[in-house]
Amino acid sequence: MTTLETIVINFAAEENEIHPDFRLYLTSMPADYFPVSVLQNGVKLTTEPPRGLRANLKRTYQGMTDTFLTECKKAEAWKKLVFGLSFFHAIL
């Protein structure tokens, strides 16, 4: 984590040398050891996962269209694969 902190601090010092389209995305669980300076120098976005298996599956399927699920040549097998992966993701 100290290496990450050093890199982020150096970004501020090298502001003119960094490409304007450069973005650094970090994802993390809340942790005491996460460097405060990294948090202070960035834009924060938090999302709360849906509570419960049903809500989680519902949220996953809301982002899918009917054509996404049916345009495959083996639509039935595809739907089962998508459900299996969505269910696995919802459990974790």
PDB file of N, CA and C in Angstrom:
ATOM      1  N   MET A   1       0.811  -1.204   0.000  1.00  0.00           N
ATOM      2  CA  MET A   1       0.000   0.000   0.000  1.00  0.00           C
ATOM      3  C   MET A   1       0.851   1.264   0.000  1.00  0.00           C
ATOM      4  N   THR A   2       2.037   1.175   0.555  1.00  0.00           N
ATOM      5  CA  THR A   2       2.901   2.362   0.544  1.00  0.00           C
ATOM      6  C   THR A   2       3.340   2.699  -0.879  1.00  0.00           C
ATOM      7  N   THR A   3       3.518   1.665  -1.715  1.00  0.00           N
ATOM      8  CA  THR A   3       3.873   1.910  -3.113  1.00  0.00           C
ATOM      9  C   THR A   3       2.740   2.624  -3.832  1.00  0.00           C
ATOM     10  N   LEU A   4       1.519   2.190  -3.601  1.00  0.00           N
ATOM     11  CA  LEU A   4       0.348   2.848  -4.198  1.00  0.00           C
ATOM     12  C   LEU A   4       0.279   4.301  -3.761  1.00  0.00           C
ATOM     13  N   GLU A   5       0.496   4.541  -2.498  1.00  0.00           N
ATOM     14  CA  GLU A   5       0.456   5.902  -1.976  1.00  0.00           C
ATOM     15  C   GLU A   5       1.514   6.782  -2.648  1.00  0.00           C
ATOM     16  N   THR A   6       2.708   6.259  -2.824  1.00  0.00           N
ATOM     17  CA  THR A   6       3.786   7.007  -3.477  1.00  0.00           C
ATOM     18  C   THR A   6       3.430   7.329  -4.925  1.00  0.00           C
ATOM     19  N   ILE A   7       2.867   6.360  -5.631  1.00  0.00           N
ATOM     20  CA  ILE A   7       2.491   6.568  -7.034  1.00  0.00           C
ATOM     21  C   ILE A   7       1.446   7.671  -7.146  1.00  0.00           C
ATOM     22  N   VAL A   8       0.422   7.633  -6.289  1.00  0.00           N
ATOM     23  CA  VAL A   8      -0.648   8.633  -6.349  1.00  0.00           C
ATOM     24  C   VAL A   8      -0.121  10.019  -5.991  1.00  0.00           C
ATOM     25  N   ILE A   9       0.758  10.099  -5.026  1.00  0.00           N
ATOM     26  CA  ILE A   9       1.346  11.395  -4.657  1.00  0.00           C
ATOM     27  C   ILE A   9       2.177  11.946  -5.818  1.00  0.00           C
ATOM     28  N   ASN A  10       2.887  11.066  -6.517  1.00  0.00           N
ATOM     29  CA  ASN A  10       3.688  11.500  -7.670  1.00  0.00           C
ATOM     30  C   ASN A  10       2.813  11.978  -8.825  1.00  0.00           C
ATOM     31  N   PHE A  11       1.597  11.475  -8.930  1.00  0.00           N
ATOM     32  CA  PHE A  11       0.670  11.958  -9.965  1.00  0.00           C
ATOM     33  C   PHE A  11       0.439  13.451  -9.812  1.00  0.00           C
ATOM     34  N   ALA A  12       0.271  13.903  -8.583  1.00  0.00           N
ATOM     35  CA  ALA A  12       0.022  15.323  -8.340  1.00  0.00           C
ATOM     36  C   ALA A  12       1.238  16.165  -8.711  1.00  0.00           C
ATOM     37  N   ALA A  13       2.432  15.634  -8.473  1.00  0.00           N
ATOM     38  CA  ALA A  13       3.653  16.378  -8.788  1.00  0.00           C
ATOM     39  C   ALA A  13       3.905  16.436 -10.290  1.00  0.00           C
ATOM     40  N   GLU A  14       3.459  15.416 -11.029  1.00  0.00           N
ATOM     41  CA  GLU A  14       3.696  15.327 -12.471  1.00  0.00           C
ATOM     42  C   GLU A  14       2.442  15.688 -13.261  1.00  0.00           C
ATOM     43  N   GLU A  15       1.655  16.602 -12.768  1.00  0.00           N
ATOM     44  CA  GLU A  15       0.360  16.931 -13.365  1.00  0.00           C
ATOM     45  C   GLU A  15       0.460  17.313 -14.841  1.00  0.00           C
ATOM     46  N   ASN A  16       1.479  18.048 -15.226  1.00  0.00           N
ATOM     47  CA  ASN A  16       1.621  18.483 -16.617  1.00  0.00           C
ATOM     48  C   ASN A  16       2.062  17.360 -17.552  1.00  0.00           C
ATOM     49  N   GLU A  17       2.673  16.316 -17.016  1.00  0.00           N
ATOM     50  CA  GLU A  17       3.192  15.229 -17.835  1.00  0.00           C
ATOM     51  C   GLU A  17       2.171  14.113 -18.055  1.00  0.00           C
ATOM     52  N   ILE A  18       1.084  14.099 -17.335  1.00  0.00           N
ATOM     53  CA  ILE A  18       0.086  13.036 -17.431  1.00  0.00           C
ATOM     54  C   ILE A  18      -0.903  13.363 -18.537  1.00  0.00           C
ATOM     55  N   HIS A  19      -1.213  12.368 -19.341  1.00  0.00           N
ATOM     56  CA  HIS A  19      -2.167  12.543 -20.442  1.00  0.00           C
ATOM     57  C   HIS A  19      -3.528  12.933 -19.872  1.00  0.00           C
ATOM     58  N   PRO A  20      -4.233  13.888 -20.485  1.00  0.00           N
ATOM     59  CA  PRO A  20      -5.514  14.358 -19.942  1.00  0.00           C
ATOM     60  C   PRO A  20      -6.603  13.284 -19.898  1.00  0.00           C
ATOM     61  N   ASP A  21      -6.471  12.233 -20.705  1.00  0.00           N
ATOM     62  CA  ASP A  21      -7.470  11.165 -20.702  1.00  0.00           C
ATOM     63  C   ASP A  21      -7.138  10.045 -19.712  1.00  0.00           C
ATOM     64  N   PHE A  22      -6.031  10.165 -18.994  1.00  0.00           N
ATOM     65  CA  PHE A  22      -5.628   9.128 -18.047  1.00  0.00           C
ATOM     66  C   PHE A  22      -6.568   9.093 -16.849  1.00  0.00           C
ATOM     67  N   ARG A  23      -7.000   7.888 -16.475  1.00  0.00           N
ATOM     68  CA  ARG A  23      -7.829   7.693 -15.287  1.00  0.00           C
ATOM     69  C   ARG A  23      -7.311   6.473 -14.540  1.00  0.00           C
ATOM     70  N   LEU A  24      -7.328   6.525 -13.236  1.00  0.00           N
ATOM     71  CA  LEU A  24      -6.952   5.390 -12.401  1.00  0.00           C
ATOM     72  C   LEU A  24      -8.174   5.003 -11.586  1.00  0.00           C
ATOM     73  N   TYR A  25      -8.654   3.805 -11.799  1.00  0.00           N
ATOM     74  CA  TYR A  25      -9.821   3.310 -11.063  1.00  0.00           C
ATOM     75  C   TYR A  25      -9.359   2.297 -10.033  1.00  0.00           C
ATOM     76  N   LEU A  26      -9.757   2.493  -8.807  1.00  0.00           N
ATOM     77  CA  LEU A  26      -9.434   1.567  -7.730  1.00  0.00           C
ATOM     78  C   LEU A  26     -10.733   1.089  -7.089  1.00  0.00           C
ATOM     79  N   THR A  27     -10.754  -0.146  -6.692  1.00  0.00           N
ATOM     80  CA  THR A  27     -11.904  -0.666  -5.970  1.00  0.00           C
ATOM     81  C   THR A  27     -11.396  -1.300  -4.683  1.00  0.00           C
ATOM     82  N   SER A  28     -12.130  -1.099  -3.607  1.00  0.00           N
ATOM     83  CA  SER A  28     -11.659  -1.578  -2.318  1.00  0.00           C
ATOM     84  C   SER A  28     -12.822  -1.746  -1.354  1.00  0.00           C
ATOM     85  N   MET A  29     -12.647  -2.655  -0.464  1.00  0.00           N
ATOM     86  CA  MET A  29     -13.559  -2.772   0.674  1.00  0.00           C
ATOM     87  C   MET A  29     -13.059  -1.783   1.728  1.00  0.00           C
ATOM     88  N   PRO A  30     -13.904  -1.348   2.634  1.00  0.00           N
ATOM     89  CA  PRO A  30     -13.416  -0.469   3.705  1.00  0.00           C
ATOM     90  C   PRO A  30     -12.304  -1.157   4.501  1.00  0.00           C
ATOM     91  N   ALA A  31     -11.173  -0.481   4.648  1.00  0.00           N
ATOM     92  CA  ALA A  31     -10.041  -1.063   5.359  1.00  0.00           C
ATOM     93  C   ALA A  31      -9.249   0.043   6.052  1.00  0.00           C
ATOM     94  N   ASP A  32      -8.788  -0.236   7.255  1.00  0.00           N
ATOM     95  CA  ASP A  32      -8.025   0.740   8.028  1.00  0.00           C
ATOM     96  C   ASP A  32      -6.651   1.006   7.410  1.00  0.00           C
ATOM     97  N   TYR A  33      -6.100   0.033   6.716  1.00  0.00           N
ATOM     98  CA  TYR A  33      -4.750   0.163   6.173  1.00  0.00           C
ATOM     99  C   TYR A  33      -4.710   0.862   4.818  1.00  0.00           C
ATOM    100  N   PHE A  34      -5.870   1.228   4.243  1.00  0.00           N
ATOM    101  CA  PHE A  34      -5.897   1.907   2.952  1.00  0.00           C
ATOM    102  C   PHE A  34      -5.363   3.321   3.147  1.00  0.00           C
ATOM    103  N   PRO A  35      -4.407   3.759   2.324  1.00  0.00           N
ATOM    104  CA  PRO A  35      -3.779   5.077   2.524  1.00  0.00           C
ATOM    105  C   PRO A  35      -4.789   6.230   2.428  1.00  0.00           C
ATOM    106  N   VAL A  36      -4.782   7.065   3.435  1.00  0.00           N
ATOM    107  CA  VAL A  36      -5.692   8.201   3.504  1.00  0.00           C
ATOM    108  C   VAL A  36      -5.410   9.194   2.381  1.00  0.00           C
ATOM    109  N   SER A  37      -4.148   9.369   2.037  1.00  0.00           N
ATOM    110  CA  SER A  37      -3.801  10.335   0.989  1.00  0.00           C
ATOM    111  C   SER A  37      -4.383   9.931  -0.362  1.00  0.00           C
ATOM    112  N   VAL A  38      -4.506   8.640  -0.628  1.00  0.00           N
ATOM    113  CA  VAL A  38      -5.114   8.179  -1.874  1.00  0.00           C
ATOM    114  C   VAL A  38      -6.592   8.560  -1.893  1.00  0.00           C
ATOM    115  N   LEU A  39      -7.254   8.399  -0.774  1.00  0.00           N
ATOM    116  CA  LEU A  39      -8.665   8.775  -0.673  1.00  0.00           C
ATOM    117  C   LEU A  39      -8.856  10.282  -0.808  1.00  0.00           C
ATOM    118  N   GLN A  40      -7.961  11.042  -0.216  1.00  0.00           N
ATOM    119  CA  GLN A  40      -8.082  12.499  -0.255  1.00  0.00           C
ATOM    120  C   GLN A  40      -7.824  13.074  -1.643  1.00  0.00           C
ATOM    121  N   ASN A  41      -7.019  12.403  -2.456  1.00  0.00           N
ATOM    122  CA  ASN A  41      -6.665  12.911  -3.785  1.00  0.00           C
ATOM    123  C   ASN A  41      -7.556  12.373  -4.891  1.00  0.00           C
ATOM    124  N   GLY A  42      -8.625  11.697  -4.538  1.00  0.00           N
ATOM    125  CA  GLY A  42      -9.458  11.098  -5.573  1.00  0.00           C
ATOM    126  C   GLY A  42     -10.931  11.422  -5.409  1.00  0.00           C
ATOM    127  N   VAL A  43     -11.683  11.043  -6.412  1.00  0.00           N
ATOM    128  CA  VAL A  43     -13.137  11.161  -6.382  1.00  0.00           C
ATOM    129  C   VAL A  43     -13.673   9.827  -5.904  1.00  0.00           C
ATOM    130  N   LYS A  44     -14.543   9.862  -4.929  1.00  0.00           N
ATOM    131  CA  LYS A  44     -15.056   8.626  -4.350  1.00  0.00           C
ATOM    132  C   LYS A  44     -16.469   8.338  -4.823  1.00  0.00           C
ATOM    133  N   LEU A  45     -16.710   7.080  -5.098  1.00  0.00           N
ATOM    134  CA  LEU A  45     -18.028   6.614  -5.495  1.00  0.00           C
ATOM    135  C   LEU A  45     -18.297   5.346  -4.707  1.00  0.00           C
ATOM    136  N   THR A  46     -19.408   5.312  -4.028  1.00  0.00           N
ATOM    137  CA  THR A  46     -19.739   4.108  -3.270  1.00  0.00           C
ATOM    138  C   THR A  46     -21.078   3.572  -3.733  1.00  0.00           C
ATOM    139  N   THR A  47     -21.170   2.274  -3.759  1.00  0.00           N
ATOM    140  CA  THR A  47     -22.433   1.623  -4.073  1.00  0.00           C
ATOM    141  C   THR A  47     -22.668   0.537  -3.040  1.00  0.00           C
ATOM    142  N   GLU A  48     -23.867   0.422  -2.627  1.00  0.00           N
ATOM    143  CA  GLU A  48     -24.246  -0.614  -1.680  1.00  0.00           C
ATOM    144  C   GLU A  48     -24.805  -1.797  -2.452  1.00  0.00           C
ATOM    145  N   PRO A  49     -24.316  -2.990  -2.192  1.00  0.00           N
ATOM    146  CA  PRO A  49     -24.870  -4.152  -2.873  1.00  0.00           C
ATOM    147  C   PRO A  49     -26.302  -4.397  -2.408  1.00  0.00           C
ATOM    148  N   PRO A  50     -27.126  -4.947  -3.283  1.00  0.00           N
ATOM    149  CA  PRO A  50     -28.509  -5.231  -2.886  1.00  0.00           C
ATOM    150  C   PRO A  50     -28.541  -6.239  -1.738  1.00  0.00           C
ATOM    151  N   ARG A  51     -29.512  -6.092  -0.877  1.00  0.00           N
ATOM    152  CA  ARG A  51     -29.640  -7.008   0.256  1.00  0.00           C
ATOM    153  C   ARG A  51     -30.440  -8.231  -0.172  1.00  0.00           C
ATOM    154  N   GLY A  52     -29.826  -9.369  -0.032  1.00  0.00           N
ATOM    155  CA  GLY A  52     -30.518 -10.614  -0.309  1.00  0.00           C
ATOM    156  C   GLY A  52     -30.274 -11.139  -1.716  1.00  0.00           C
ATOM    157  N   LEU A  53     -30.465 -12.432  -1.850  1.00  0.00           N
ATOM    158  CA  LEU A  53     -30.230 -13.113  -3.114  1.00  0.00           C
ATOM    159  C   LEU A  53     -31.193 -12.655  -4.201  1.00  0.00           C
ATOM    160  N   ARG A  54     -32.460 -12.557  -3.854  1.00  0.00           N
ATOM    161  CA  ARG A  54     -33.469 -12.153  -4.842  1.00  0.00           C
ATOM    162  C   ARG A  54     -33.206 -10.750  -5.380  1.00  0.00           C
ATOM    163  N   ALA A  55     -32.920  -9.816  -4.488  1.00  0.00           N
ATOM    164  CA  ALA A  55     -32.657  -8.432  -4.895  1.00  0.00           C
ATOM    165  C   ALA A  55     -31.402  -8.356  -5.770  1.00  0.00           C
ATOM    166  N   ASN A  56     -30.405  -9.158  -5.436  1.00  0.00           N
ATOM    167  CA  ASN A  56     -29.180  -9.156  -6.210  1.00  0.00           C
ATOM    168  C   ASN A  56     -29.424  -9.690  -7.623  1.00  0.00           C
ATOM    169  N   LEU A  57     -30.168 -10.791  -7.745  1.00  0.00           N
ATOM    170  CA  LEU A  57     -30.496 -11.339  -9.062  1.00  0.00           C
ATOM    171  C   LEU A  57     -31.351 -10.364  -9.866  1.00  0.00           C
ATOM    172  N   LYS A  58     -32.284  -9.722  -9.189  1.00  0.00           N
ATOM    173  CA  LYS A  58     -33.155  -8.761  -9.856  1.00  0.00           C
ATOM    174  C   LYS A  58     -32.336  -7.609 -10.446  1.00  0.00           C
ATOM    175  N   ARG A  59     -31.392  -7.123  -9.679  1.00  0.00           N
ATOM    176  CA  ARG A  59     -30.538  -6.031 -10.151  1.00  0.00           C
ATOM    177  C   ARG A  59     -29.702  -6.471 -11.348  1.00  0.00           C
ATOM    178  N   THR A  60     -29.210  -7.689 -11.315  1.00  0.00           N
ATOM    179  CA  THR A  60     -28.415  -8.198 -12.433  1.00  0.00           C
ATOM    180  C   THR A  60     -29.244  -8.284 -13.698  1.00  0.00           C
ATOM    181  N   TYR A  61     -30.449  -8.835 -13.603  1.00  0.00           N
ATOM    182  CA  TYR A  61     -31.288  -9.021 -14.777  1.00  0.00           C
ATOM    183  C   TYR A  61     -31.897  -7.712 -15.288  1.00  0.00           C
ATOM    184  N   GLN A  62     -31.971  -6.686 -14.461  1.00  0.00           N
ATOM    185  CA  GLN A  62     -32.487  -5.399 -14.927  1.00  0.00           C
ATOM    186  C   GLN A  62     -31.566  -4.770 -15.962  1.00  0.00           C
ATOM    187  N   GLY A  63     -30.295  -5.111 -15.923  1.00  0.00           N
ATOM    188  CA  GLY A  63     -29.346  -4.565 -16.876  1.00  0.00           C
ATOM    189  C   GLY A  63     -29.300  -5.320 -18.196  1.00  0.00           C
ATOM    190  N   MET A  64     -30.092  -6.374 -18.322  1.00  0.00           N
ATOM    191  CA  MET A  64     -30.088  -7.203 -19.538  1.00  0.00           C
ATOM    192  C   MET A  64     -31.361  -6.973 -20.344  1.00  0.00           C
ATOM    193  N   THR A  65     -31.212  -7.073 -21.655  1.00  0.00           N
ATOM    194  CA  THR A  65     -32.376  -6.959 -22.534  1.00  0.00           C
ATOM    195  C   THR A  65     -32.786  -8.360 -22.997  1.00  0.00           C
ATOM    196  N   ASP A  66     -33.993  -8.457 -23.530  1.00  0.00           N
ATOM    197  CA  ASP A  66     -34.460  -9.740 -24.059  1.00  0.00           C
ATOM    198  C   ASP A  66     -33.588 -10.207 -25.220  1.00  0.00           C
ATOM    199  N   THR A  67     -33.138  -9.270 -26.037  1.00  0.00           N
ATOM    200  CA  THR A  67     -32.293  -9.668 -27.170  1.00  0.00           C
ATOM    201  C   THR A  67     -30.960 -10.222 -26.699  1.00  0.00           C
ATOM    202  N   PHE A  68     -30.433  -9.714 -25.587  1.00  0.00           N
ATOM    203  CA  PHE A  68     -29.187 -10.237 -25.019  1.00  0.00           C
ATOM    204  C   PHE A  68     -29.336 -11.707 -24.671  1.00  0.00           C
ATOM    205  N   LEU A  69     -30.513 -12.065 -24.164  1.00  0.00           N
ATOM    206  CA  LEU A  69     -30.736 -13.446 -23.741  1.00  0.00           C
ATOM    207  C   LEU A  69     -31.171 -14.364 -24.878  1.00  0.00           C
ATOM    208  N   THR A  70     -31.696 -13.820 -25.961  1.00  0.00           N
ATOM    209  CA  THR A  70     -32.248 -14.677 -27.014  1.00  0.00           C
ATOM    210  C   THR A  70     -31.488 -14.637 -28.333  1.00  0.00           C
ATOM    211  N   GLU A  71     -30.548 -13.722 -28.522  1.00  0.00           N
ATOM    212  CA  GLU A  71     -29.888 -13.606 -29.820  1.00  0.00           C
ATOM    213  C   GLU A  71     -28.857 -14.703 -30.087  1.00  0.00           C
ATOM    214  N   CYS A  72     -28.501 -15.465 -29.095  1.00  0.00           N
ATOM    215  CA  CYS A  72     -27.542 -16.545 -29.248  1.00  0.00           C
ATOM    216  C   CYS A  72     -28.187 -17.712 -30.005  1.00  0.00           C
ATOM    217  N   LYS A  73     -27.379 -18.450 -30.762  1.00  0.00           N
ATOM    218  CA  LYS A  73     -27.906 -19.597 -31.506  1.00  0.00           C
ATOM    219  C   LYS A  73     -28.430 -20.682 -30.577  1.00  0.00           C
ATOM    220  N   LYS A  74     -27.817 -20.819 -29.415  1.00  0.00           N
ATOM    221  CA  LYS A  74     -28.267 -21.797 -28.420  1.00  0.00           C
ATOM    222  C   LYS A  74     -28.827 -21.029 -27.224  1.00  0.00           C
ATOM    223  N   ALA A  75     -29.972 -20.415 -27.441  1.00  0.00           N
ATOM    224  CA  ALA A  75     -30.549 -19.489 -26.455  1.00  0.00           C
ATOM    225  C   ALA A  75     -30.840 -20.165 -25.111  1.00  0.00           C
ATOM    226  N   GLU A  76     -31.362 -21.379 -25.132  1.00  0.00           N
ATOM    227  CA  GLU A  76     -31.691 -22.050 -23.864  1.00  0.00           C
ATOM    228  C   GLU A  76     -30.440 -22.311 -23.037  1.00  0.00           C
ATOM    229  N   ALA A  77     -29.392 -22.805 -23.672  1.00  0.00           N
ATOM    230  CA  ALA A  77     -28.136 -23.046 -22.957  1.00  0.00           C
ATOM    231  C   ALA A  77     -27.534 -21.725 -22.473  1.00  0.00           C
ATOM    232  N   TRP A  78     -27.622 -20.684 -23.303  1.00  0.00           N
ATOM    233  CA  TRP A  78     -27.098 -19.362 -22.941  1.00  0.00           C
ATOM    234  C   TRP A  78     -27.818 -18.807 -21.715  1.00  0.00           C
ATOM    235  N   LYS A  79     -29.151 -18.941 -21.695  1.00  0.00           N
ATOM    236  CA  LYS A  79     -29.927 -18.441 -20.554  1.00  0.00           C
ATOM    237  C   LYS A  79     -29.518 -19.159 -19.273  1.00  0.00           C
ATOM    238  N   LYS A  80     -29.280 -20.460 -19.370  1.00  0.00           N
ATOM    239  CA  LYS A  80     -28.863 -21.226 -18.189  1.00  0.00           C
ATOM    240  C   LYS A  80     -27.481 -20.800 -17.712  1.00  0.00           C
ATOM    241  N   LEU A  81     -26.586 -20.555 -18.654  1.00  0.00           N
ATOM    242  CA  LEU A  81     -25.246 -20.080 -18.290  1.00  0.00           C
ATOM    243  C   LEU A  81     -25.302 -18.709 -17.624  1.00  0.00           C
ATOM    244  N   VAL A  82     -26.095 -17.820 -18.196  1.00  0.00           N
ATOM    245  CA  VAL A  82     -26.233 -16.477 -17.623  1.00  0.00           C
ATOM    246  C   VAL A  82     -26.814 -16.558 -16.219  1.00  0.00           C
ATOM    247  N   PHE A  83     -27.841 -17.388 -16.041  1.00  0.00           N
ATOM    248  CA  PHE A  83     -28.436 -17.532 -14.716  1.00  0.00           C
ATOM    249  C   PHE A  83     -27.429 -18.116 -13.729  1.00  0.00           C
ATOM    250  N   GLY A  84     -26.696 -19.151 -14.158  1.00  0.00           N
ATOM    251  CA  GLY A  84     -25.711 -19.765 -13.262  1.00  0.00           C
ATOM    252  C   GLY A  84     -24.647 -18.776 -12.814  1.00  0.00           C
ATOM    253  N   LEU A  85     -24.153 -18.002 -13.741  1.00  0.00           N
ATOM    254  CA  LEU A  85     -23.141 -17.000 -13.406  1.00  0.00           C
ATOM    255  C   LEU A  85     -23.724 -15.900 -12.519  1.00  0.00           C
ATOM    256  N   SER A  86     -24.932 -15.470 -12.826  1.00  0.00           N
ATOM    257  CA  SER A  86     -25.603 -14.433 -12.027  1.00  0.00           C
ATOM    258  C   SER A  86     -25.864 -14.937 -10.609  1.00  0.00           C
ATOM    259  N   PHE A  87     -26.290 -16.173 -10.496  1.00  0.00           N
ATOM    260  CA  PHE A  87     -26.563 -16.766  -9.186  1.00  0.00           C
ATOM    261  C   PHE A  87     -25.266 -16.886  -8.375  1.00  0.00           C
ATOM    262  N   PHE A  88     -24.230 -17.369  -9.028  1.00  0.00           N
ATOM    263  CA  PHE A  88     -22.918 -17.488  -8.372  1.00  0.00           C
ATOM    264  C   PHE A  88     -22.437 -16.119  -7.883  1.00  0.00           C
ATOM    265  N   HIS A  89     -22.570 -15.106  -8.742  1.00  0.00           N
ATOM    266  CA  HIS A  89     -22.159 -13.752  -8.364  1.00  0.00           C
ATOM    267  C   HIS A  89     -22.999 -13.222  -7.213  1.00  0.00           C
ATOM    268  N   ALA A  90     -24.283 -13.526  -7.203  1.00  0.00           N
ATOM    269  CA  ALA A  90     -25.169 -13.038  -6.143  1.00  0.00           C
ATOM    270  C   ALA A  90     -24.831 -13.660  -4.788  1.00  0.00           C
ATOM    271  N   ILE A  91     -24.395 -14.909  -4.811  1.00  0.00           N
ATOM    272  CA  ILE A  91     -24.042 -15.592  -3.566  1.00  0.00           C
ATOM    273  C   ILE A  91     -22.755 -15.022  -2.983  1.00  0.00           C
ATOM    274  N   LEU A  92     -21.801 -14.743  -3.861  1.00  0.00           N
ATOM    275  CA  LEU A  92     -20.517 -14.203  -3.368  1.00  0.00           C
ATOM    276  C   LEU A  92     -20.702 -12.773  -2.962  1.00  0.00           C
TER     277      LEU A  92
END
